[in-house]
């Protein structure tokens, strides 16, 4: 039986009288559109319109593959740092194509066509390699495909590229779910506590910390085989 709570999904067992996080189902929430994911059409439009001046981008136009100019940045932000300067190497039209590929990838993921979705995210990353959200979503897909070392590498890239505390928190949350599924509870708790510290307003992270602690204690209390 599944019970949804914010971004967490629980698996319950009436026979064992236990409640556990269902790590795979929770990761799937990120890809199925049942929570607010960074690749919803509305969010992409806001990202594409950021600092775009008076000319606005309409969802129907973008989904048809015609992106009006000017579009200055796929990701909000700016400044004079090395990252913002490097980002100019990747034209706005390439980042817009990456956004469309991300939408297609999410559509495929909702159908559980994870390998096909992963291929689209790989293409999107080639077009916009500095987008943390793309690397994060790739990590989630790799986690569901049980390609765990590759998933950890993608999450590490996403964390390095993330430019906001809420974005970092979400990536740590996803990586913590992978560690939790592996029963590497110390690493899972470390990431969930980081998420909680970065985004204390999101109660899900505190809830995840408390639940993973219970799971760790329950596993530790079990007699050795």
Protein backbone atom coordinates (compact mmCIF):
# COMPACT_ATOMS: atom_id res chain seq x y z
CA UNK A 1 0.00 0.00 0.00
CA UNK A 2 1.34 3.44 -0.90
CA UNK A 3 0.72 6.60 1.07
CA UNK A 4 1.89 9.86 -0.46
CA UNK A 5 3.15 12.64 1.77
CA UNK A 6 4.61 15.69 0.05
CA UNK A 7 7.60 14.26 -1.82
CA UNK A 8 7.82 11.07 0.19
CA UNK A 9 6.07 7.77 -0.54
CA UNK A 10 5.79 5.14 2.18
CA UNK A 11 5.53 1.40 1.88
CA UNK A 12 3.65 -0.25 4.72
CA UNK A 13 3.57 -3.87 5.81
CA UNK A 14 0.65 -4.99 7.97
CA UNK A 15 2.37 -8.31 8.68
CA UNK A 16 5.56 -6.73 10.01
CA UNK A 17 3.79 -3.61 11.28
CA UNK A 18 6.45 -1.39 9.74
CA UNK A 19 6.50 1.76 7.64
CA UNK A 20 9.41 2.39 5.28
CA UNK A 21 10.17 4.99 2.66
CA UNK A 22 9.57 3.53 -0.77
CA UNK A 23 12.66 5.03 -2.35
CA UNK A 24 11.88 4.12 -5.95
CA UNK A 25 8.32 5.45 -5.80
CA UNK A 26 9.53 8.65 -4.18
CA UNK A 27 12.11 9.15 -6.92
CA UNK A 28 9.42 8.48 -9.52
CA UNK A 29 7.34 11.32 -8.09
CA UNK A 30 10.00 13.70 -9.33
CA UNK A 31 9.61 12.40 -12.88
CA UNK A 32 5.87 11.82 -13.17
CA UNK A 33 4.68 15.36 -12.67
CA UNK A 34 2.91 14.51 -9.42
CA UNK A 35 5.06 17.09 -7.71
CA UNK A 36 6.28 20.41 -9.07
CA UNK A 37 9.31 19.44 -11.11
CA UNK A 38 11.72 21.95 -12.67
CA UNK A 39 10.75 20.87 -16.17
CA UNK A 40 7.06 21.73 -16.14
CA UNK A 41 6.08 23.80 -19.16
CA UNK A 42 5.22 26.78 -16.96
CA UNK A 43 8.59 26.71 -15.20
CA UNK A 44 10.49 26.44 -18.45
CA UNK A 45 8.61 29.44 -19.82
CA UNK A 46 9.58 31.48 -16.79
CA UNK A 47 13.20 30.41 -17.18
CA UNK A 48 13.24 31.23 -20.88
CA UNK A 49 11.57 34.60 -20.29
CA UNK A 50 13.97 35.64 -17.56
CA UNK A 51 15.65 38.89 -18.58
CA UNK A 52 14.24 38.43 -22.10
CA UNK A 53 12.94 41.98 -22.34
CA UNK A 54 9.52 42.83 -23.68
CA UNK A 55 9.19 39.90 -26.09
CA UNK A 56 7.63 36.96 -24.27
CA UNK A 57 7.88 33.28 -25.11
CA UNK A 58 4.59 31.40 -25.28
CA UNK A 59 4.36 27.68 -24.38
CA UNK A 60 2.71 26.80 -27.70
CA UNK A 61 5.54 28.47 -29.58
CA UNK A 62 8.28 26.71 -27.67
CA UNK A 63 6.68 23.30 -27.89
CA UNK A 64 6.36 23.76 -31.64
CA UNK A 65 10.09 24.31 -31.82
CA UNK A 66 10.08 28.03 -32.67
CA UNK A 67 11.76 30.15 -30.01
CA UNK A 68 11.48 33.90 -30.62
CA UNK A 69 14.41 36.13 -29.76
CA UNK A 70 15.77 37.51 -27.60
CA UNK A 71 16.25 34.72 -25.09
CA UNK A 72 19.27 35.48 -22.95
CA UNK A 73 19.40 32.70 -20.40
CA UNK A 74 17.85 29.30 -19.77
CA UNK A 75 18.65 29.52 -16.07
CA UNK A 76 17.93 32.56 -13.91
CA UNK A 77 20.96 34.31 -12.59
CA UNK A 78 23.77 36.46 -13.85
CA UNK A 79 26.58 38.30 -12.23
CA UNK A 80 30.18 38.46 -13.24
CA UNK A 81 31.36 35.09 -11.96
CA UNK A 82 33.16 32.50 -14.01
CA UNK A 83 30.00 30.39 -14.31
CA UNK A 84 27.93 33.19 -15.84
CA UNK A 85 30.75 34.02 -18.27
CA UNK A 86 31.15 30.40 -19.25
CA UNK A 87 27.41 30.07 -19.78
CA UNK A 88 27.61 32.56 -22.66
CA UNK A 89 29.52 29.93 -24.61
CA UNK A 90 26.22 28.05 -25.01
CA UNK A 91 23.77 30.06 -27.17
CA UNK A 92 20.24 30.72 -26.03
CA UNK A 93 18.80 28.67 -28.87
CA UNK A 94 20.83 25.65 -27.71
CA UNK A 95 19.50 26.08 -24.18
CA UNK A 96 15.97 26.36 -25.56
CA UNK A 97 16.46 23.09 -27.45
CA UNK A 98 17.70 21.56 -24.22
CA UNK A 99 14.49 22.70 -22.52
CA UNK A 100 12.37 21.04 -25.19
CA UNK A 101 14.38 17.82 -24.88
CA UNK A 102 13.83 17.95 -21.12
CA UNK A 103 10.07 18.22 -21.65
CA UNK A 104 10.19 15.20 -23.96
CA UNK A 105 12.31 13.29 -21.45
CA UNK A 106 9.80 13.95 -18.68
CA UNK A 107 7.00 12.75 -20.94
CA UNK A 108 8.90 9.52 -21.61
CA UNK A 109 9.66 9.11 -17.91
CA UNK A 110 5.95 9.36 -17.05
CA UNK A 111 5.51 6.31 -19.31
CA UNK A 112 8.39 4.60 -17.46
CA UNK A 113 10.46 4.61 -20.65
CA UNK A 114 13.50 5.45 -18.59
CA UNK A 115 16.22 4.49 -21.05
CA UNK A 116 14.68 6.67 -23.75
CA UNK A 117 14.22 9.50 -21.29
CA UNK A 118 17.85 9.20 -20.24
CA UNK A 119 18.98 9.50 -23.86
CA UNK A 120 17.01 12.76 -24.18
CA UNK A 121 18.55 14.15 -21.01
CA UNK A 122 22.00 13.22 -22.30
CA UNK A 123 21.24 15.20 -25.46
CA UNK A 124 19.96 18.12 -23.41
CA UNK A 125 23.11 18.17 -21.28
CA UNK A 126 25.26 18.37 -24.41
CA UNK A 127 23.34 21.52 -25.32
CA UNK A 128 23.26 23.02 -21.82
CA UNK A 129 25.97 21.35 -19.72
CA UNK A 130 25.81 23.96 -16.97
CA UNK A 131 22.17 23.31 -16.03
CA UNK A 132 22.13 21.63 -12.63
CA UNK A 133 18.51 20.51 -13.01
CA UNK A 134 19.38 18.42 -16.06
CA UNK A 135 22.14 16.59 -14.20
CA UNK A 136 19.83 16.08 -11.22
CA UNK A 137 17.08 14.55 -13.35
CA UNK A 138 19.66 12.37 -15.07
CA UNK A 139 20.78 11.14 -11.65
CA UNK A 140 17.20 10.25 -10.71
CA UNK A 141 16.76 8.26 -13.93
CA UNK A 142 20.05 6.43 -13.45
CA UNK A 143 18.98 5.60 -9.89
CA UNK A 144 15.77 4.02 -11.17
CA UNK A 145 17.78 2.11 -13.78
CA UNK A 146 20.03 0.78 -10.97
CA UNK A 147 23.10 2.45 -12.52
CA UNK A 148 24.02 3.76 -9.12
CA UNK A 149 27.63 4.86 -9.56
CA UNK A 150 26.67 6.86 -12.63
CA UNK A 151 23.78 8.34 -10.69
CA UNK A 152 26.09 9.45 -7.89
CA UNK A 153 28.38 11.10 -10.45
CA UNK A 154 25.41 12.97 -11.96
CA UNK A 155 24.25 14.15 -8.55
CA UNK A 156 27.78 15.36 -7.78
CA UNK A 157 27.79 17.37 -11.01
CA UNK A 158 24.37 18.81 -10.21
CA UNK A 159 25.45 19.88 -6.72
CA UNK A 160 28.55 21.58 -8.11
CA UNK A 161 26.45 23.51 -10.66
CA UNK A 162 23.46 24.39 -8.48
CA UNK A 163 23.15 28.12 -7.94
CA UNK A 164 20.47 28.35 -5.29
CA UNK A 165 19.96 26.81 -1.87
CA UNK A 166 16.56 25.30 -2.72
CA UNK A 167 17.99 23.72 -5.86
CA UNK A 168 20.91 22.29 -3.89
CA UNK A 169 18.54 20.97 -1.24
CA UNK A 170 16.46 19.08 -3.81
CA UNK A 171 19.56 17.44 -5.28
CA UNK A 172 20.79 16.37 -1.84
CA UNK A 173 17.32 14.98 -1.19
CA UNK A 174 17.45 12.86 -4.35
CA UNK A 175 20.95 11.61 -3.59
CA UNK A 176 19.89 10.85 -0.03
CA UNK A 177 17.07 8.70 -1.37
CA UNK A 178 19.58 6.68 -3.39
CA UNK A 179 21.76 6.18 -0.33
CA UNK A 180 18.69 5.22 1.70
CA UNK A 181 17.69 2.59 -0.84
CA UNK A 182 21.22 1.17 -0.58
CA UNK A 183 20.79 1.16 3.22
CA UNK A 184 23.77 3.46 3.51
CA UNK A 185 21.89 5.30 6.21
CA UNK A 186 24.73 7.47 7.49
CA UNK A 187 25.27 8.93 4.03
CA UNK A 188 21.51 9.26 3.52
CA UNK A 189 21.15 11.16 6.79
CA UNK A 190 24.06 13.43 5.92
CA UNK A 191 22.43 14.44 2.64
CA UNK A 192 18.96 14.85 4.15
CA UNK A 193 20.36 17.05 6.91
CA UNK A 194 22.10 19.16 4.27
CA UNK A 195 18.79 19.51 2.43
CA UNK A 196 17.03 20.46 5.66
CA UNK A 197 19.68 23.06 6.50
CA UNK A 198 19.58 24.60 3.01
CA UNK A 199 15.78 24.69 2.79
CA UNK A 200 14.32 24.61 6.31
CA UNK A 201 10.88 25.68 5.05
CA UNK A 202 10.37 22.34 3.27
CA UNK A 203 9.11 19.98 5.97
CA UNK A 204 9.70 16.95 3.75
CA UNK A 205 13.42 17.09 4.46
CA UNK A 206 12.92 17.04 8.22
CA UNK A 207 10.42 14.22 7.77
CA UNK A 208 12.98 12.27 5.71
CA UNK A 209 15.65 12.73 8.40
CA UNK A 210 13.32 11.40 11.09
CA UNK A 211 12.13 8.44 9.01
CA UNK A 212 15.62 7.38 7.91
CA UNK A 213 16.75 7.50 11.53
CA UNK A 214 13.90 5.12 12.43
CA UNK A 215 14.82 2.81 9.57
CA UNK A 216 18.47 2.83 10.61
CA UNK A 217 17.54 2.02 14.21
CA UNK A 218 15.19 -0.77 13.09
CA UNK A 219 17.85 -2.39 10.90
CA UNK A 220 20.41 -2.07 13.69
CA UNK A 221 18.04 -3.72 16.15
CA UNK A 222 17.44 -6.76 13.96
CA UNK A 223 19.23 -9.92 15.11
CA UNK A 224 22.14 -11.08 12.99
CA UNK A 225 21.28 -13.99 10.63
